C-alpha atoms as a PDB file:
ATOM      1  CA  MET A   1      56.857 102.432  40.326  1.00  0.00           C
ATOM      2  CA  THR A   2      59.257  99.832  38.934  1.00  0.00           C
ATOM      3  CA  ALA A   3      61.519  97.613  41.056  1.00  0.00           C
ATOM      4  CA  HIS A   4      65.158  96.899  40.186  1.00  0.00           C
ATOM      5  CA  VAL A   5      68.120  95.016  41.661  1.00  0.00           C
ATOM      6  CA  LEU A   6      71.856  95.687  41.380  1.00  0.00           C
ATOM      7  CA  GLU A   7      74.328  93.107  42.675  1.00  0.00           C
ATOM      8  CA  ARG A   8      77.241  94.893  44.273  1.00  0.00           C
ATOM      9  CA  ALA A   9      79.744  94.524  47.128  1.00  0.00           C
ATOM     10  CA  GLY A  10      78.294  91.215  48.230  1.00  0.00           C
ATOM     11  CA  SER A  11      74.725  92.500  48.426  1.00  0.00           C
ATOM     12  CA  ARG A  12      71.652  92.733  46.220  1.00  0.00           C
ATOM     13  CA  LEU A  13      70.731  96.407  46.205  1.00  0.00           C
ATOM     14  CA  HIS A  14      67.013  96.959  45.681  1.00  0.00           C
ATOM     15  CA  TYR A  15      65.848 100.270  44.255  1.00  0.00           C
ATOM     16  CA  TRP A  16      62.653 101.699  42.802  1.00  0.00           C
ATOM     17  CA  LEU A  17      61.961 104.267  40.091  1.00  0.00           C
ATOM     18  CA  ALA A  18      58.849 106.330  39.455  1.00  0.00           C
ATOM     19  CA  GLY A  19      58.012 109.181  37.112  1.00  0.00           C
ATOM     20  CA  PRO A  20      59.021 110.182  33.564  1.00  0.00           C
ATOM     21  CA  GLU A  21      62.301 108.615  32.467  1.00  0.00           C
ATOM     22  CA  ARG A  22      63.993 111.830  31.316  1.00  0.00           C
ATOM     23  CA  ALA A  23      62.661 114.104  34.050  1.00  0.00           C
ATOM     24  CA  PRO A  24      65.080 115.568  36.623  1.00  0.00           C
ATOM     25  CA  LEU A  25      65.892 112.890  39.195  1.00  0.00           C
ATOM     26  CA  VAL A  26      65.248 113.237  42.926  1.00  0.00           C
ATOM     27  CA  VAL A  27      66.951 110.546  45.018  1.00  0.00           C
ATOM     28  CA  PHE A  28      65.776 109.714  48.544  1.00  0.00           C
ATOM     29  CA  THR A  29      68.056 107.863  50.992  1.00  0.00           C
ATOM     30  CA  HIS A  30      66.717 106.667  54.336  1.00  0.00           C
ATOM     31  CA  GLY A  31      68.269 106.633  57.799  1.00  0.00           C
ATOM     32  CA  ALA A  32      69.889 103.799  59.739  1.00  0.00           C
ATOM     33  CA  SER A  33      67.473 100.913  60.465  1.00  0.00           C
ATOM     34  CA  MET A  34      64.784 102.397  58.182  1.00  0.00           C
ATOM     35  CA  ASP A  35      64.141 101.570  54.507  1.00  0.00           C
ATOM     36  CA  HIS A  36      62.815 103.137  51.310  1.00  0.00           C
ATOM     37  CA  GLY A  37      59.275 103.101  52.701  1.00  0.00           C
ATOM     38  CA  MET A  38      59.995 106.105  54.886  1.00  0.00           C
ATOM     39  CA  PHE A  39      59.507 108.268  51.772  1.00  0.00           C
ATOM     40  CA  ASP A  40      56.171 106.781  50.707  1.00  0.00           C
ATOM     41  CA  GLU A  41      54.433 110.106  51.338  1.00  0.00           C
ATOM     42  CA  GLN A  42      56.993 112.090  49.349  1.00  0.00           C
ATOM     43  CA  VAL A  43      57.116 110.018  46.158  1.00  0.00           C
ATOM     44  CA  PRO A  44      53.628 110.863  44.789  1.00  0.00           C
ATOM     45  CA  ALA A  45      54.068 114.576  45.478  1.00  0.00           C
ATOM     46  CA  VAL A  46      57.465 114.767  43.792  1.00  0.00           C
ATOM     47  CA  VAL A  47      56.408 112.671  40.791  1.00  0.00           C
ATOM     48  CA  GLY A  48      53.263 114.769  40.504  1.00  0.00           C
ATOM     49  CA  ALA A  49      55.398 117.897  40.280  1.00  0.00           C
ATOM     50  CA  GLY A  50      57.159 116.547  37.189  1.00  0.00           C
ATOM     51  CA  TYR A  51      60.192 114.711  38.561  1.00  0.00           C
ATOM     52  CA  ARG A  52      61.550 111.204  38.384  1.00  0.00           C
ATOM     53  CA  VAL A  53      62.116 109.638  41.810  1.00  0.00           C
ATOM     54  CA  LEU A  54      64.561 106.989  42.992  1.00  0.00           C
ATOM     55  CA  THR A  55      64.215 105.317  46.385  1.00  0.00           C
ATOM     56  CA  TRP A  56      66.386 102.463  47.566  1.00  0.00           C
ATOM     57  CA  ASP A  57      67.238 100.210  50.470  1.00  0.00           C
ATOM     58  CA  VAL A  58      70.758 100.805  51.757  1.00  0.00           C
ATOM     59  CA  ARG A  59      72.786  97.605  52.168  1.00  0.00           C
ATOM     60  CA  GLY A  60      71.528  95.499  55.070  1.00  0.00           C
ATOM     61  CA  HIS A  61      68.189  97.351  55.200  1.00  0.00           C
ATOM     62  CA  GLY A  62      64.806  96.358  53.837  1.00  0.00           C
ATOM     63  CA  ARG A  63      65.250  94.047  50.872  1.00  0.00           C
ATOM     64  CA  SER A  64      68.934  94.825  50.241  1.00  0.00           C
ATOM     65  CA  LYS A  65      70.450  91.657  51.667  1.00  0.00           C
ATOM     66  CA  PRO A  66      72.877  90.403  52.739  1.00  0.00           C
ATOM     67  CA  LEU A  67      74.847  93.224  54.312  1.00  0.00           C
ATOM     68  CA  GLY A  68      77.805  92.371  52.102  1.00  0.00           C
ATOM     69  CA  ASP A  69      81.355  93.646  52.326  1.00  0.00           C
ATOM     70  CA  ARG A  70      82.667  94.856  55.669  1.00  0.00           C
ATOM     71  CA  PRO A  71      83.570  97.061  57.357  1.00  0.00           C
ATOM     72  CA  VAL A  72      80.617  99.231  56.399  1.00  0.00           C
ATOM     73  CA  SER A  73      81.428 102.918  55.886  1.00  0.00           C
ATOM     74  CA  VAL A  74      79.622 106.014  54.679  1.00  0.00           C
ATOM     75  CA  ARG A  75      82.028 106.166  51.744  1.00  0.00           C
ATOM     76  CA  ALA A  76      81.213 102.566  50.737  1.00  0.00           C
ATOM     77  CA  LEU A  77      77.460 103.113  51.028  1.00  0.00           C
ATOM     78  CA  ALA A  78      77.727 106.334  49.019  1.00  0.00           C
ATOM     79  CA  ALA A  79      79.606 104.361  46.363  1.00  0.00           C
ATOM     80  CA  ASP A  80      76.664 101.953  46.266  1.00  0.00           C
ATOM     81  CA  LEU A  81      74.344 104.836  45.445  1.00  0.00           C
ATOM     82  CA  LEU A  82      76.689 106.146  42.765  1.00  0.00           C
ATOM     83  CA  ALA A  83      76.706 102.654  41.240  1.00  0.00           C
ATOM     84  CA  VAL A  84      72.909 102.673  41.160  1.00  0.00           C
ATOM     85  CA  LEU A  85      72.956 106.055  39.413  1.00  0.00           C
ATOM     86  CA  ASP A  86      75.463 104.688  36.901  1.00  0.00           C
ATOM     87  CA  GLU A  87      73.209 101.666  36.365  1.00  0.00           C
ATOM     88  CA  ILE A  88      70.310 103.878  35.308  1.00  0.00           C
ATOM     89  CA  ASP A  89      72.684 105.986  33.188  1.00  0.00           C
ATOM     90  CA  ARG A  90      72.183 109.283  34.969  1.00  0.00           C
ATOM     91  CA  GLY A  91      75.129 111.352  33.857  1.00  0.00           C
ATOM     92  CA  GLU A  92      73.459 114.658  34.657  1.00  0.00           C
ATOM     93  CA  PRO A  93      73.409 116.082  38.205  1.00  0.00           C
ATOM     94  CA  VAL A  94      70.607 114.962  40.509  1.00  0.00           C
ATOM     95  CA  CYS A  95      68.886 116.114  43.671  1.00  0.00           C
ATOM     96  CA  LEU A  96      69.982 114.089  46.702  1.00  0.00           C
ATOM     97  CA  VAL A  97      67.659 114.016  49.715  1.00  0.00           C
ATOM     98  CA  GLY A  98      68.941 112.114  52.737  1.00  0.00           C
ATOM     99  CA  GLN A  99      67.570 111.491  56.215  1.00  0.00           C
ATOM    100  CA  SER A 100      70.019 110.909  59.095  1.00  0.00           C
ATOM    101  CA  LEU A 101      72.438 108.245  57.758  1.00  0.00           C
ATOM    102  CA  GLY A 102      71.111 109.099  54.297  1.00  0.00           C
ATOM    103  CA  GLY A 103      72.152 112.685  54.950  1.00  0.00           C
ATOM    104  CA  TYR A 104      75.722 111.554  55.547  1.00  0.00           C
ATOM    105  CA  LEU A 105      75.684 109.628  52.262  1.00  0.00           C
ATOM    106  CA  ALA A 106      74.399 112.703  50.436  1.00  0.00           C
ATOM    107  CA  GLN A 107      77.087 114.871  52.035  1.00  0.00           C
ATOM    108  CA  ASP A 108      79.779 112.373  51.099  1.00  0.00           C
ATOM    109  CA  ILE A 109      78.736 112.382  47.458  1.00  0.00           C
ATOM    110  CA  VAL A 110      78.621 116.162  47.243  1.00  0.00           C
ATOM    111  CA  PHE A 111      82.077 116.229  48.902  1.00  0.00           C
ATOM    112  CA  THR A 112      83.736 113.614  46.675  1.00  0.00           C
ATOM    113  CA  HIS A 113      81.695 113.974  43.448  1.00  0.00           C
ATOM    114  CA  PRO A 114      80.234 117.508  43.458  1.00  0.00           C
ATOM    115  CA  HIS A 115      79.580 117.331  39.720  1.00  0.00           C
ATOM    116  CA  ARG A 116      77.047 114.523  40.302  1.00  0.00           C
ATOM    117  CA  VAL A 117      74.845 116.748  42.475  1.00  0.00           C
ATOM    118  CA  ALA A 118      72.610 119.671  41.508  1.00  0.00           C
ATOM    119  CA  VAL A 119      70.933 120.346  44.855  1.00  0.00           C
ATOM    120  CA  LEU A 120      70.976 118.776  48.295  1.00  0.00           C
ATOM    121  CA  GLY A 121      68.269 118.111  50.895  1.00  0.00           C
ATOM    122  CA  ILE A 122      69.117 117.048  54.453  1.00  0.00           C
ATOM    123  CA  ILE A 123      66.634 115.809  57.066  1.00  0.00           C
ATOM    124  CA  GLY A 124      67.729 115.181  60.650  1.00  0.00           C
ATOM    125  CA  SER A 125      71.453 114.839  60.013  1.00  0.00           C
ATOM    126  CA  THR A 126      74.446 116.644  61.461  1.00  0.00           C
ATOM    127  CA  CYS A 127      77.168 118.219  59.355  1.00  0.00           C
ATOM    128  CA  ALA A 128      79.867 115.678  58.536  1.00  0.00           C
ATOM    129  CA  THR A 129      82.543 118.294  57.869  1.00  0.00           C
ATOM    130  CA  LEU A 130      82.275 120.559  60.922  1.00  0.00           C
ATOM    131  CA  PRO A 131      84.472 119.758  63.947  1.00  0.00           C
ATOM    132  CA  ILE A 132      82.961 118.215  67.070  1.00  0.00           C
ATOM    133  CA  PRO A 133      84.259 118.303  70.677  1.00  0.00           C
ATOM    134  CA  TRP A 134      86.527 115.542  71.979  1.00  0.00           C
ATOM    135  CA  TRP A 135      83.882 114.066  74.257  1.00  0.00           C
ATOM    136  CA  GLN A 136      81.524 113.646  71.316  1.00  0.00           C
ATOM    137  CA  ARG A 137      84.228 111.921  69.285  1.00  0.00           C
ATOM    138  CA  TRP A 138      84.747 109.540  72.206  1.00  0.00           C
ATOM    139  CA  SER A 139      81.005 108.923  72.551  1.00  0.00           C
ATOM    140  CA  LEU A 140      80.646 108.137  68.856  1.00  0.00           C
ATOM    141  CA  ALA A 141      83.622 105.778  68.920  1.00  0.00           C
ATOM    142  CA  ALA A 142      82.126 103.885  71.869  1.00  0.00           C
ATOM    143  CA  SER A 143      78.555 103.786  70.551  1.00  0.00           C
ATOM    144  CA  PRO A 144      78.760 100.589  68.426  1.00  0.00           C
ATOM    145  CA  LEU A 145      79.888  98.562  71.455  1.00  0.00           C
ATOM    146  CA  MET A 146      77.196 100.123  73.634  1.00  0.00           C
ATOM    147  CA  LEU A 147      74.544  99.229  71.069  1.00  0.00           C
ATOM    148  CA  ARG A 148      75.843  95.671  70.763  1.00  0.00           C
ATOM    149  CA  LEU A 149      75.434  95.214  74.530  1.00  0.00           C
ATOM    150  CA  TRP A 150      71.959  96.809  74.622  1.00  0.00           C
ATOM    151  CA  PRO A 151      69.072  94.292  74.965  1.00  0.00           C
ATOM    152  CA  ASP A 152      67.763  93.835  71.444  1.00  0.00           C
ATOM    153  CA  GLY A 153      64.028  94.227  71.984  1.00  0.00           C
ATOM    154  CA  ASP A 154      64.414  97.333  74.131  1.00  0.00           C
ATOM    155  CA  LEU A 155      66.819  98.878  71.609  1.00  0.00           C
ATOM    156  CA  ARG A 156      64.338  98.508  68.755  1.00  0.00           C
ATOM    157  CA  ARG A 157      61.486  99.958  70.801  1.00  0.00           C
ATOM    158  CA  ARG A 158      63.603 102.937  71.850  1.00  0.00           C
ATOM    159  CA  ILE A 159      64.647 103.600  68.255  1.00  0.00           C
ATOM    160  CA  ALA A 160      61.002 103.738  67.211  1.00  0.00           C
ATOM    161  CA  GLN A 161      60.056 105.983  70.136  1.00  0.00           C
ATOM    162  CA  ARG A 162      62.929 108.432  69.648  1.00  0.00           C
ATOM    163  CA  THR A 163      62.829 108.741  65.871  1.00  0.00           C
ATOM    164  CA  ALA A 164      59.170 109.637  65.413  1.00  0.00           C
ATOM    165  CA  GLU A 165      56.324 111.490  67.116  1.00  0.00           C
ATOM    166  CA  THR A 166      53.206 110.144  65.418  1.00  0.00           C
ATOM    167  CA  SER A 167      51.920 106.648  66.127  1.00  0.00           C
ATOM    168  CA  ARG A 168      51.912 105.835  62.419  1.00  0.00           C
ATOM    169  CA  ALA A 169      55.569 106.788  61.966  1.00  0.00           C
ATOM    170  CA  ARG A 170      56.558 104.947  65.145  1.00  0.00           C
ATOM    171  CA  GLU A 171      54.816 101.789  63.966  1.00  0.00           C
ATOM    172  CA  TYR A 172      56.673 102.047  60.666  1.00  0.00           C
ATOM    173  CA  ALA A 173      60.026 102.597  62.419  1.00  0.00           C
ATOM    174  CA  LEU A 174      59.531  99.594  64.698  1.00  0.00           C
ATOM    175  CA  ALA A 175      58.625  97.367  61.747  1.00  0.00           C
ATOM    176  CA  ALA A 176      61.593  98.635  59.721  1.00  0.00           C
ATOM    177  CA  THR A 177      64.071  97.867  62.501  1.00  0.00           C
ATOM    178  CA  GLN A 178      62.881  94.250  62.519  1.00  0.00           C
ATOM    179  CA  ARG A 179      64.312  93.800  59.017  1.00  0.00           C
ATOM    180  CA  LEU A 180      67.881  94.146  60.308  1.00  0.00           C
ATOM    181  CA  THR A 181      69.588  91.677  62.571  1.00  0.00           C
ATOM    182  CA  LYS A 182      71.333  93.095  65.627  1.00  0.00           C
ATOM    183  CA  ASP A 183      74.683  92.362  63.965  1.00  0.00           C
ATOM    184  CA  GLU A 184      73.647  94.222  60.800  1.00  0.00           C
ATOM    185  CA  PHE A 185      72.461  97.225  62.781  1.00  0.00           C
ATOM    186  CA  VAL A 186      75.679  97.475  64.792  1.00  0.00           C
ATOM    187  CA  ALA A 187      77.751  97.185  61.596  1.00  0.00           C
ATOM    188  CA  VAL A 188      75.764  99.986  59.957  1.00  0.00           C
ATOM    189  CA  TRP A 189      75.997 102.112  63.081  1.00  0.00           C
ATOM    190  CA  GLY A 190      79.757 101.768  62.857  1.00  0.00           C
ATOM    191  CA  ALA A 191      79.524 103.802  59.656  1.00  0.00           C
ATOM    192  CA  VAL A 192      77.533 106.509  61.446  1.00  0.00           C
ATOM    193  CA  ALA A 193      80.085 106.574  64.267  1.00  0.00           C
ATOM    194  CA  LYS A 194      82.878 107.351  61.796  1.00  0.00           C
ATOM    195  CA  ALA A 195      80.947 109.732  59.539  1.00  0.00           C
ATOM    196  CA  ILE A 196      82.432 112.968  60.883  1.00  0.00           C
ATOM    197  CA  HIS A 197      85.570 114.220  59.125  1.00  0.00           C
ATOM    198  CA  PRO A 198      86.220 117.918  59.866  1.00  0.00           C
ATOM    199  CA  GLU A 199      87.265 119.883  56.784  1.00  0.00           C
ATOM    200  CA  PRO A 200      88.468 123.402  57.717  1.00  0.00           C
ATOM    201  CA  GLY A 201      87.509 125.944  55.109  1.00  0.00           C
ATOM    202  CA  TYR A 202      85.125 123.602  53.277  1.00  0.00           C
ATOM    203  CA  ARG A 203      81.715 124.890  52.203  1.00  0.00           C
ATOM    204  CA  ILE A 204      78.839 123.226  50.393  1.00  0.00           C
ATOM    205  CA  GLU A 205      78.399 125.503  47.407  1.00  0.00           C
ATOM    206  CA  HIS A 206      75.273 123.753  46.097  1.00  0.00           C
ATOM    207  CA  PRO A 207      71.763 124.877  47.023  1.00  0.00           C
ATOM    208  CA  LEU A 208      71.044 123.137  50.331  1.00  0.00           C
ATOM    209  CA  LEU A 209      67.744 122.527  52.118  1.00  0.00           C
ATOM    210  CA  LEU A 210      68.578 121.753  55.748  1.00  0.00           C
ATOM    211  CA  CYS A 211      65.732 120.729  58.008  1.00  0.00           C
ATOM    212  CA  HIS A 212      64.853 118.834  61.154  1.00  0.00           C
ATOM    213  CA  GLY A 213      61.804 118.351  63.321  1.00  0.00           C
ATOM    214  CA  ASP A 214      61.122 120.771  66.163  1.00  0.00           C
ATOM    215  CA  ARG A 215      61.014 117.723  68.459  1.00  0.00           C
ATOM    216  CA  ASP A 216      64.103 115.968  67.106  1.00  0.00           C
ATOM    217  CA  ARG A 217      65.839 114.531  70.191  1.00  0.00           C
ATOM    218  CA  VAL A 218      68.407 112.382  68.393  1.00  0.00           C
ATOM    219  CA  GLY A 219      71.978 113.409  69.157  1.00  0.00           C
ATOM    220  CA  ASP A 220      72.674 117.106  68.623  1.00  0.00           C
ATOM    221  CA  VAL A 221      70.922 117.463  65.265  1.00  0.00           C
ATOM    222  CA  ALA A 222      68.713 120.365  66.351  1.00  0.00           C
ATOM    223  CA  GLU A 223      71.417 122.023  68.459  1.00  0.00           C
ATOM    224  CA  THR A 224      74.050 122.178  65.715  1.00  0.00           C
ATOM    225  CA  ALA A 225      71.843 122.895  62.691  1.00  0.00           C
ATOM    226  CA  PRO A 226      71.972 126.718  63.016  1.00  0.00           C
ATOM    227  CA  ARG A 227      75.779 126.622  62.968  1.00  0.00           C
ATOM    228  CA  TRP A 228      75.713 124.499  59.826  1.00  0.00           C
ATOM    229  CA  ALA A 229      73.159 126.778  58.184  1.00  0.00           C
ATOM    230  CA  ALA A 230      75.331 129.813  58.916  1.00  0.00           C
ATOM    231  CA  ARG A 231      78.400 128.172  57.364  1.00  0.00           C
ATOM    232  CA  ASP A 232      77.066 127.261  53.933  1.00  0.00           C
ATOM    233  CA  PRO A 233      76.230 130.205  51.668  1.00  0.00           C
ATOM    234  CA  ARG A 234      73.269 128.712  49.772  1.00  0.00           C
ATOM    235  CA  CYS A 235      71.553 126.999  52.692  1.00  0.00           C
ATOM    236  CA  ARG A 236      67.840 127.275  53.397  1.00  0.00           C
ATOM    237  CA  TYR A 237      67.175 126.212  56.995  1.00  0.00           C
ATOM    238  CA  GLU A 238      63.733 125.013  58.072  1.00  0.00           C
ATOM    239  CA  VAL A 239      62.379 123.529  61.303  1.00  0.00           C
ATOM    240  CA  VAL A 240      59.475 121.162  60.665  1.00  0.00           C
ATOM    241  CA  PRO A 241      56.695 121.705  63.231  1.00  0.00           C
ATOM    242  CA  ASN A 242      55.181 118.845  65.214  1.00  0.00           C
ATOM    243  CA  ALA A 243      57.875 116.456  64.024  1.00  0.00           C
ATOM    244  CA  GLY A 244      60.722 114.360  65.380  1.00  0.00           C
ATOM    245  CA  HIS A 245      63.786 112.793  63.769  1.00  0.00           C
ATOM    246  CA  ASN A 246      61.782 111.288  60.893  1.00  0.00           C
ATOM    247  CA  ALA A 247      60.329 114.716  60.207  1.00  0.00           C
ATOM    248  CA  ASN A 248      59.174 113.918  56.668  1.00  0.00           C
ATOM    249  CA  GLN A 249      56.948 111.159  58.083  1.00  0.00           C
ATOM    250  CA  ASP A 250      55.668 112.997  61.159  1.00  0.00           C
ATOM    251  CA  ASN A 251      54.530 116.034  59.148  1.00  0.00           C
ATOM    252  CA  PRO A 252      54.564 115.066  55.454  1.00  0.00           C
ATOM    253  CA  GLU A 253      52.294 117.881  54.294  1.00  0.00           C
ATOM    254  CA  TRP A 254      54.551 120.597  55.700  1.00  0.00           C
ATOM    255  CA  PHE A 255      57.741 118.882  54.613  1.00  0.00           C
ATOM    256  CA  ASN A 256      56.454 118.249  51.091  1.00  0.00           C
ATOM    257  CA  GLN A 257      55.570 121.906  50.688  1.00  0.00           C
ATOM    258  CA  ILE A 258      59.034 123.184  51.641  1.00  0.00           C
ATOM    259  CA  LEU A 259      60.643 120.526  49.458  1.00  0.00           C
ATOM    260  CA  MET A 260      58.471 121.504  46.479  1.00  0.00           C
ATOM    261  CA  ASP A 261      59.285 125.185  47.017  1.00  0.00           C
ATOM    262  CA  PHE A 262      63.002 124.399  47.194  1.00  0.00           C
ATOM    263  CA  LEU A 263      62.950 122.230  44.071  1.00  0.00           C
ATOM    264  CA  ALA A 264      60.944 124.809  42.130  1.00  0.00           C
ATOM    265  CA  ALA A 265      63.506 127.481  42.982  1.00  0.00           C
ATOM    266  CA  HIS A 266      66.713 125.506  42.406  1.00  0.00           C
ATOM    267  CA  PHE A 267      65.920 122.330  40.432  1.00  0.00           C
ATOM    268  CA  PRO A 268      62.774 122.954  38.361  1.00  0.00           C
ATOM    269  CA  PRO A 269      61.399 120.300  35.993  1.00  0.00           C
ATOM    270  CA  GLY A 270      61.997 122.632  33.068  1.00  0.00           C
ATOM    271  CA  GLY A 271      65.716 122.695  33.805  1.00  0.00           C
ATOM    272  CA  ALA A 272      66.222 126.398  34.597  1.00  0.00           C
ATOM    273  CA  GLY A 273      66.905 127.376  38.162  1.00  0.00           C
END
């Protein structure tokens, strides 16, 4: 795996590449307060199947410091990822896999630049283009202030407890949250709070792997996933057993298998799918 840096929007974006240079590219984007390390157990499996893999730290996370231009938005963070893809000269469509916040970035790119995407994988994220009830809009709008007022140490512990089920994944999540200041986290969460933009009549026409853990207790991810799966015509919906919000970390063997099956069917290394 090779490390790279792109200076953009007041930040130094760190990203990593592994696998054959001209192989189909699979891009992993982590959730809020996590970093590229949440996909450590996916990278070897995907590279071993004949793909090139890109992981990166979203602005403000991991090594991508400082947070840079504000306000932070899903659209701005998605533009960061597109700039990284331009930097490595990937003109052909790629596979985007996003967890939570990363799922919103992936959805934004397929919405604004559908030609850049071949297939889409979503882990533990809600649909950004379906309508939500008024009380949920209010709750999201108020959430950055609530998080700012929350005692810092307790907030980080609760994030780790609620995002993962296994002790290993919880330890990772707690360590990852320590790499953001409270101010950085609240700024990033502001992007999550404004991620929903209902688009009547819109459908994701790309092959879509939609999954979440059977114990995902974050927001209404698990509750709303069936509605999303029913809307989009090429969606494969999977519930990862014995897993929470960071389902790919809680049960990597199961997740890797469904991801490999999905890629083989819709984005094979040989180029026909």
